[in-house]
Amino acid sequence: MNVLALPGNLDYQNLDSILDTAVLVEEGRVLFDARHVRWVDPSGLLGLLAAGRHQMDRQGSPPRLQLPDSADVRGYMARMGFFRAAEGLFDVDHAPPRRAAGSTDVLLEINPITTNSDVHEVVDRVQRTAGAILTRTLHYPMTAVVQFSVILSEVCQNILEHADAPGWVCAQAYNWQKRLGRHVLIVAVADLGRGFRGSLADEHSARFSDRWGDATALEAAFIHGLTRFPDTGRGQGIQQMRKQVRKWNGAISIRSGTARIADVPEWDDSPPLREGLADVPGAHIQILLPGVVDDA
């Protein structure tokens, strides 16, 4: 039995270490030890789901999961729909808690994305609830609700069009009073499909020759707006998302294969590009949107 001890903070900052450790285990059953987890966010939840799915596909049987000792963390995972999404992916060490009443800061519980109807359902649900969080909590203008819905639709559609595999999406607002002095909205999207290199290879790998790889594919899509479509102007969602998130002084990052690329504002010290990571299937997208600061 391979025991993988999860960090105390199961969040976007530790996502790469979680994924890298999980995919490097090639033989034997895995036990995910989450007993000491004290904090978890949407990126951590989807990262754990992806790691469990990867191990199940590799070993042919679900890995074990030891739940956090903290009742608050277990309750949060239930409220976000983690245990519903994890059915069949993990053998849980004991019965998960009942689903509690939702938090007003939960914009979107974990939702699977497998069909176009899933995308439409997610966007419709967010449009009904995003106004309160984006305008009252983050102090964005009402026009941001539509723009945010477009971004959410794009990242979900990316799973269907590029991944050829199921994925998940979830989002929640948090009060980062100590770190940032304001609220922040965290959006996470994950899949275990082809990744950016696989999706763009047919159309673009030849022009990059031996430079073609995960980092090059991410730069091509993220910075230069290249897509799997030969037609100019089609499928430029990733680049447009990046521009819109930058207008909101937010951060966006994408992990695909062995690389992660990010567009980071001055308040985030994440590196713009990381290479040499473990070869993780699919793509993981994180978007962090901070609340507006009143300069008055």
Protein backbone atom coordinates (compact mmCIF):
# COMPACT_ATOMS: atom_id res chain seq x y z
CA MET A 1 0.00 0.00 0.00
CA ASN A 2 1.39 3.40 -1.05
CA VAL A 3 0.44 6.06 1.50
CA LEU A 4 0.20 9.61 0.13
CA ALA A 5 -0.05 12.13 2.97
CA LEU A 6 -1.99 15.17 1.77
CA PRO A 7 -0.84 18.65 2.90
CA GLY A 8 -2.65 20.57 5.61
CA ASN A 9 -3.77 23.11 2.99
CA LEU A 10 -5.40 21.26 0.11
CA ASP A 11 -5.58 24.27 -2.17
CA TYR A 12 -4.47 25.74 -5.49
CA GLN A 13 -0.97 26.45 -4.16
CA ASN A 14 -0.38 22.77 -3.36
CA LEU A 15 -2.19 21.34 -6.38
CA ASP A 16 0.94 20.51 -8.36
CA SER A 17 2.54 18.57 -5.52
CA ILE A 18 -0.68 16.57 -5.03
CA LEU A 19 -0.95 15.67 -8.71
CA ASP A 20 2.77 14.97 -9.13
CA THR A 21 2.88 12.62 -6.16
CA ALA A 22 -0.24 10.74 -7.24
CA VAL A 23 0.78 10.09 -10.85
CA LEU A 24 4.30 8.95 -9.94
CA VAL A 25 2.91 5.94 -8.08
CA GLU A 26 2.94 3.21 -10.74
CA GLU A 27 2.46 0.00 -8.77
CA GLY A 28 0.35 -1.02 -5.80
CA ARG A 29 -2.79 0.42 -4.32
CA VAL A 30 -2.81 4.00 -3.03
CA LEU A 31 -4.10 5.38 0.26
CA PHE A 32 -4.76 9.13 0.24
CA ASP A 33 -4.26 10.21 3.84
CA ALA A 34 -6.28 13.42 4.33
CA ARG A 35 -6.47 13.19 8.13
CA HIS A 36 -4.42 16.35 8.67
CA VAL A 37 -6.13 18.52 6.05
CA ARG A 38 -7.33 21.74 7.70
CA TRP A 39 -8.21 23.80 4.62
CA VAL A 40 -9.47 22.93 1.17
CA ASP A 41 -10.59 25.01 -1.81
CA PRO A 42 -12.13 24.19 -5.24
CA SER A 43 -8.72 23.49 -6.83
CA GLY A 44 -7.83 21.07 -4.04
CA LEU A 45 -11.16 19.27 -4.30
CA LEU A 46 -10.89 18.78 -8.06
CA GLY A 47 -7.23 17.86 -7.80
CA LEU A 48 -8.10 15.10 -5.34
CA LEU A 49 -10.87 13.84 -7.63
CA ALA A 50 -8.50 13.83 -10.60
CA ALA A 51 -5.79 12.01 -8.62
CA GLY A 52 -8.30 9.39 -7.48
CA ARG A 53 -9.66 8.89 -10.99
CA HIS A 54 -6.13 8.56 -12.38
CA GLN A 55 -5.21 5.91 -9.85
CA MET A 56 -8.45 4.01 -10.40
CA ASP A 57 -7.88 3.98 -14.17
CA ARG A 58 -4.29 2.83 -13.68
CA GLN A 59 -4.88 0.14 -11.05
CA GLY A 60 -8.37 -0.99 -12.07
CA SER A 61 -9.70 -0.44 -8.54
CA PRO A 62 -10.44 2.69 -6.50
CA PRO A 63 -7.80 4.00 -4.10
CA ARG A 64 -8.58 4.42 -0.41
CA LEU A 65 -9.29 7.81 1.16
CA GLN A 66 -8.89 8.62 4.83
CA LEU A 67 -11.11 11.59 5.58
CA PRO A 68 -9.91 14.70 7.43
CA ASP A 69 -10.04 14.59 11.22
CA SER A 70 -11.63 18.04 11.14
CA ALA A 71 -15.42 17.87 11.18
CA ASP A 72 -15.54 21.34 9.60
CA VAL A 73 -13.47 20.19 6.62
CA ARG A 74 -15.54 17.02 6.19
CA GLY A 75 -18.70 19.10 6.32
CA TYR A 76 -17.35 21.53 3.75
CA MET A 77 -16.45 18.68 1.40
CA ALA A 78 -19.99 17.33 1.73
CA ARG A 79 -21.51 20.78 1.13
CA MET A 80 -19.44 21.22 -2.04
CA GLY A 81 -20.66 17.86 -3.37
CA PHE A 82 -17.29 16.14 -3.16
CA PHE A 83 -18.56 12.81 -1.89
CA ARG A 84 -21.27 12.65 -4.54
CA ALA A 85 -18.66 13.30 -7.24
CA ALA A 86 -16.23 10.81 -5.65
CA GLU A 87 -18.63 7.84 -5.70
CA GLY A 88 -16.81 4.97 -7.38
CA LEU A 89 -13.47 6.85 -7.39
CA PHE A 90 -12.51 6.19 -3.76
CA ASP A 91 -13.02 3.66 -1.02
CA VAL A 92 -13.74 6.03 1.86
CA ASP A 93 -12.53 4.88 5.28
CA HIS A 94 -15.86 5.66 6.94
CA ALA A 95 -19.24 7.04 5.99
CA PRO A 96 -18.99 10.67 4.82
CA PRO A 97 -21.12 13.28 6.61
CA ARG A 98 -24.54 14.21 5.42
CA ARG A 99 -24.82 17.03 2.96
CA ALA A 100 -25.22 20.24 4.96
CA ALA A 101 -27.00 23.44 3.99
CA GLY A 102 -25.12 25.44 1.37
CA SER A 103 -23.00 28.47 2.17
CA THR A 104 -23.97 31.82 0.69
CA ASP A 105 -20.39 32.06 -0.62
CA VAL A 106 -20.69 28.85 -2.66
CA LEU A 107 -21.16 30.00 -6.23
CA LEU A 108 -21.02 26.53 -7.74
CA GLU A 109 -20.76 23.11 -6.11
CA ILE A 110 -18.77 20.41 -7.88
CA ASN A 111 -20.49 19.66 -11.16
CA PRO A 112 -19.46 16.99 -13.67
CA ILE A 113 -19.06 18.12 -17.27
CA THR A 114 -19.71 15.35 -19.77
CA THR A 115 -22.19 16.84 -22.26
CA ASN A 116 -23.21 20.21 -23.70
CA SER A 117 -26.33 20.11 -21.54
CA ASP A 118 -24.06 20.01 -18.46
CA VAL A 119 -22.39 23.23 -19.62
CA HIS A 120 -25.74 24.95 -20.19
CA GLU A 121 -27.01 23.83 -16.79
CA VAL A 122 -23.91 25.14 -15.02
CA VAL A 123 -24.03 28.50 -16.78
CA ASP A 124 -27.77 28.90 -16.11
CA ARG A 125 -27.26 28.12 -12.44
CA VAL A 126 -24.38 30.56 -12.12
CA GLN A 127 -26.28 33.34 -13.86
CA ARG A 128 -29.00 32.98 -11.22
CA THR A 129 -26.59 33.21 -8.29
CA ALA A 130 -23.49 35.05 -9.50
CA GLY A 131 -25.01 38.51 -9.13
CA ALA A 132 -24.94 38.47 -5.34
CA ILE A 133 -21.35 37.27 -5.05
CA LEU A 134 -19.86 39.31 -7.89
CA THR A 135 -21.64 42.56 -7.04
CA ARG A 136 -22.20 42.44 -3.27
CA THR A 137 -19.16 40.44 -2.18
CA LEU A 138 -16.56 41.35 -4.82
CA HIS A 139 -18.14 44.73 -5.71
CA TYR A 140 -18.01 44.12 -9.46
CA PRO A 141 -20.46 45.93 -11.79
CA MET A 142 -23.54 44.02 -12.92
CA THR A 143 -22.06 43.77 -16.41
CA ALA A 144 -19.43 41.43 -14.94
CA VAL A 145 -22.06 38.74 -14.38
CA VAL A 146 -22.48 38.21 -18.12
CA GLN A 147 -18.72 38.36 -18.74
CA PHE A 148 -18.10 35.85 -15.97
CA SER A 149 -20.75 33.51 -17.40
CA VAL A 150 -18.97 33.63 -20.77
CA ILE A 151 -15.66 32.71 -19.12
CA LEU A 152 -17.29 29.83 -17.24
CA SER A 153 -18.92 28.57 -20.41
CA GLU A 154 -15.57 28.69 -22.24
CA VAL A 155 -13.64 26.72 -19.62
CA CYS A 156 -16.39 24.09 -19.41
CA GLN A 157 -16.65 23.85 -23.19
CA ASN A 158 -12.89 23.37 -23.30
CA ILE A 159 -13.39 20.02 -21.55
CA LEU A 160 -15.82 18.78 -24.19
CA GLU A 161 -13.97 20.07 -27.25
CA HIS A 162 -10.35 19.42 -26.27
CA ALA A 163 -10.25 16.82 -23.53
CA ASP A 164 -12.33 13.97 -24.98
CA ALA A 165 -12.86 13.02 -21.34
CA PRO A 166 -15.18 13.97 -18.49
CA GLY A 167 -14.26 16.73 -16.09
CA TRP A 168 -15.51 18.86 -13.20
CA VAL A 169 -16.02 22.51 -12.31
CA CYS A 170 -16.68 24.32 -9.03
CA ALA A 171 -16.31 27.82 -7.56
CA GLN A 172 -16.52 29.61 -4.22
CA ALA A 173 -15.77 33.01 -2.71
CA TYR A 174 -13.55 33.32 0.35
CA ASN A 175 -12.53 36.15 2.64
CA TRP A 176 -8.76 36.52 2.26
CA GLN A 177 -8.58 39.20 4.95
CA LYS A 178 -5.09 38.29 6.18
CA ARG A 179 -3.52 37.56 2.82
CA LEU A 180 -5.15 40.11 0.53
CA GLY A 181 -7.46 42.19 2.70
CA ARG A 182 -10.54 41.37 0.63
CA HIS A 183 -12.71 38.62 -0.76
CA VAL A 184 -11.60 36.46 -3.67
CA LEU A 185 -13.50 34.12 -5.97
CA ILE A 186 -11.76 30.84 -6.85
CA VAL A 187 -12.89 28.92 -9.94
CA ALA A 188 -11.45 25.47 -10.70
CA VAL A 189 -11.90 23.28 -13.76
CA ALA A 190 -10.24 19.89 -14.27
CA ASP A 191 -10.25 16.97 -16.68
CA LEU A 192 -8.13 13.91 -17.44
CA GLY A 193 -8.19 14.13 -21.21
CA ARG A 194 -5.61 14.80 -23.95
CA GLY A 195 -4.26 18.04 -22.54
CA PHE A 196 -3.18 21.05 -24.59
CA ARG A 197 -0.26 19.33 -26.30
CA GLY A 198 -2.47 16.50 -27.54
CA SER A 199 -5.29 18.80 -28.57
CA LEU A 200 -3.10 21.18 -30.59
CA ALA A 201 -0.62 18.66 -31.99
CA ASP A 202 -2.30 17.88 -35.32
CA GLU A 203 -2.57 21.53 -36.30
CA HIS A 204 0.59 23.07 -34.83
CA SER A 205 3.27 20.56 -33.76
CA ALA A 206 5.04 20.53 -37.15
CA ARG A 207 5.79 24.26 -37.11
CA PHE A 208 7.53 23.97 -33.72
CA SER A 209 9.49 20.85 -34.67
CA ASP A 210 11.55 19.48 -31.77
CA ARG A 211 10.46 22.38 -29.54
CA TRP A 212 6.96 20.96 -29.36
CA GLY A 213 5.95 19.95 -25.85
CA ASP A 214 3.60 20.81 -23.01
CA ALA A 215 5.10 24.22 -22.26
CA THR A 216 5.18 25.20 -25.94
CA ALA A 217 1.57 24.12 -26.42
CA LEU A 218 0.45 26.13 -23.39
CA GLU A 219 2.32 29.22 -24.60
CA ALA A 220 0.80 28.81 -28.07
CA ALA A 221 -2.75 28.78 -26.71
CA PHE A 222 -2.35 31.07 -23.71
CA ILE A 223 -0.18 33.81 -25.17
CA HIS A 224 -0.50 33.56 -28.95
CA GLY A 225 -4.12 32.42 -29.22
CA LEU A 226 -3.40 29.37 -31.36
CA THR A 227 -6.17 26.80 -31.41
CA ARG A 228 -6.84 23.37 -32.87
CA PHE A 229 -8.89 25.04 -35.61
CA PRO A 230 -7.20 25.98 -38.89
CA ASP A 231 -9.63 28.90 -39.35
CA THR A 232 -8.45 32.25 -38.01
CA GLY A 233 -10.68 33.60 -35.25
CA ARG A 234 -12.13 30.28 -34.09
CA GLY A 235 -11.74 28.93 -30.58
CA GLN A 236 -9.83 31.84 -29.04
CA GLY A 237 -11.45 31.31 -25.64
CA ILE A 238 -8.29 30.80 -23.58
CA GLN A 239 -6.61 33.98 -24.77
CA GLN A 240 -9.80 36.02 -24.32
CA MET A 241 -10.30 34.61 -20.83
CA ARG A 242 -6.78 35.66 -19.95
CA LYS A 243 -7.41 39.22 -21.13
CA GLN A 244 -10.68 39.50 -19.19
CA VAL A 245 -9.22 38.08 -15.99
CA ARG A 246 -6.35 40.57 -16.29
CA LYS A 247 -8.86 43.44 -16.55
CA TRP A 248 -10.27 42.31 -13.19
CA ASN A 249 -6.74 42.18 -11.70
CA GLY A 250 -7.18 38.44 -11.34
CA ALA A 251 -4.90 35.45 -11.82
CA ILE A 252 -5.35 32.54 -14.22
CA SER A 253 -3.17 29.46 -14.54
CA ILE A 254 -3.31 26.22 -16.52
CA ARG A 255 -1.57 22.94 -15.70
CA SER A 256 -1.32 20.49 -18.58
CA GLY A 257 1.05 17.56 -18.82
CA THR A 258 4.48 18.50 -17.45
CA ALA A 259 4.02 22.28 -17.43
CA ARG A 260 2.00 25.08 -15.84
CA ILE A 261 1.55 28.56 -17.32
CA ALA A 262 0.10 31.54 -15.48
CA ASP A 263 -0.82 35.18 -15.90
CA VAL A 264 -0.29 36.64 -12.45
CA PRO A 265 -1.00 40.11 -11.06
CA GLU A 266 1.26 41.98 -8.66
CA TRP A 267 -0.43 40.47 -5.60
CA ASP A 268 0.42 36.89 -6.64
CA ASP A 269 4.00 35.58 -6.48
CA SER A 270 3.39 32.45 -8.57
CA PRO A 271 5.94 31.85 -11.37
CA PRO A 272 4.64 32.57 -14.90
CA LEU A 273 5.89 29.21 -16.22
CA ARG A 274 6.88 25.93 -14.61
CA GLU A 275 8.32 22.98 -16.50
CA GLY A 276 9.59 19.54 -15.59
CA LEU A 277 6.53 18.54 -13.58
CA ALA A 278 5.19 15.00 -13.54
CA ASP A 279 3.22 14.07 -16.65
CA VAL A 280 -0.35 14.62 -15.46
CA PRO A 281 -3.11 13.81 -17.97
CA GLY A 282 -5.62 16.44 -18.99
CA ALA A 283 -5.75 20.05 -17.86
CA HIS A 284 -6.35 21.94 -14.62
CA ILE A 285 -7.45 25.57 -14.85
CA GLN A 286 -7.59 27.94 -11.87
CA ILE A 287 -9.03 31.45 -11.93
CA LEU A 288 -8.73 33.79 -8.92
CA LEU A 289 -10.76 36.99 -8.99
CA PRO A 290 -10.14 39.48 -6.15
CA GLY A 291 -12.71 41.91 -4.86
CA VAL A 292 -12.58 45.52 -5.98
CA VAL A 293 -10.78 47.88 -3.60
CA ASP A 294 -12.53 51.17 -2.93
CA ASP A 295 -9.91 53.88 -3.39
CA ALA A 296 -12.12 56.53 -1.88
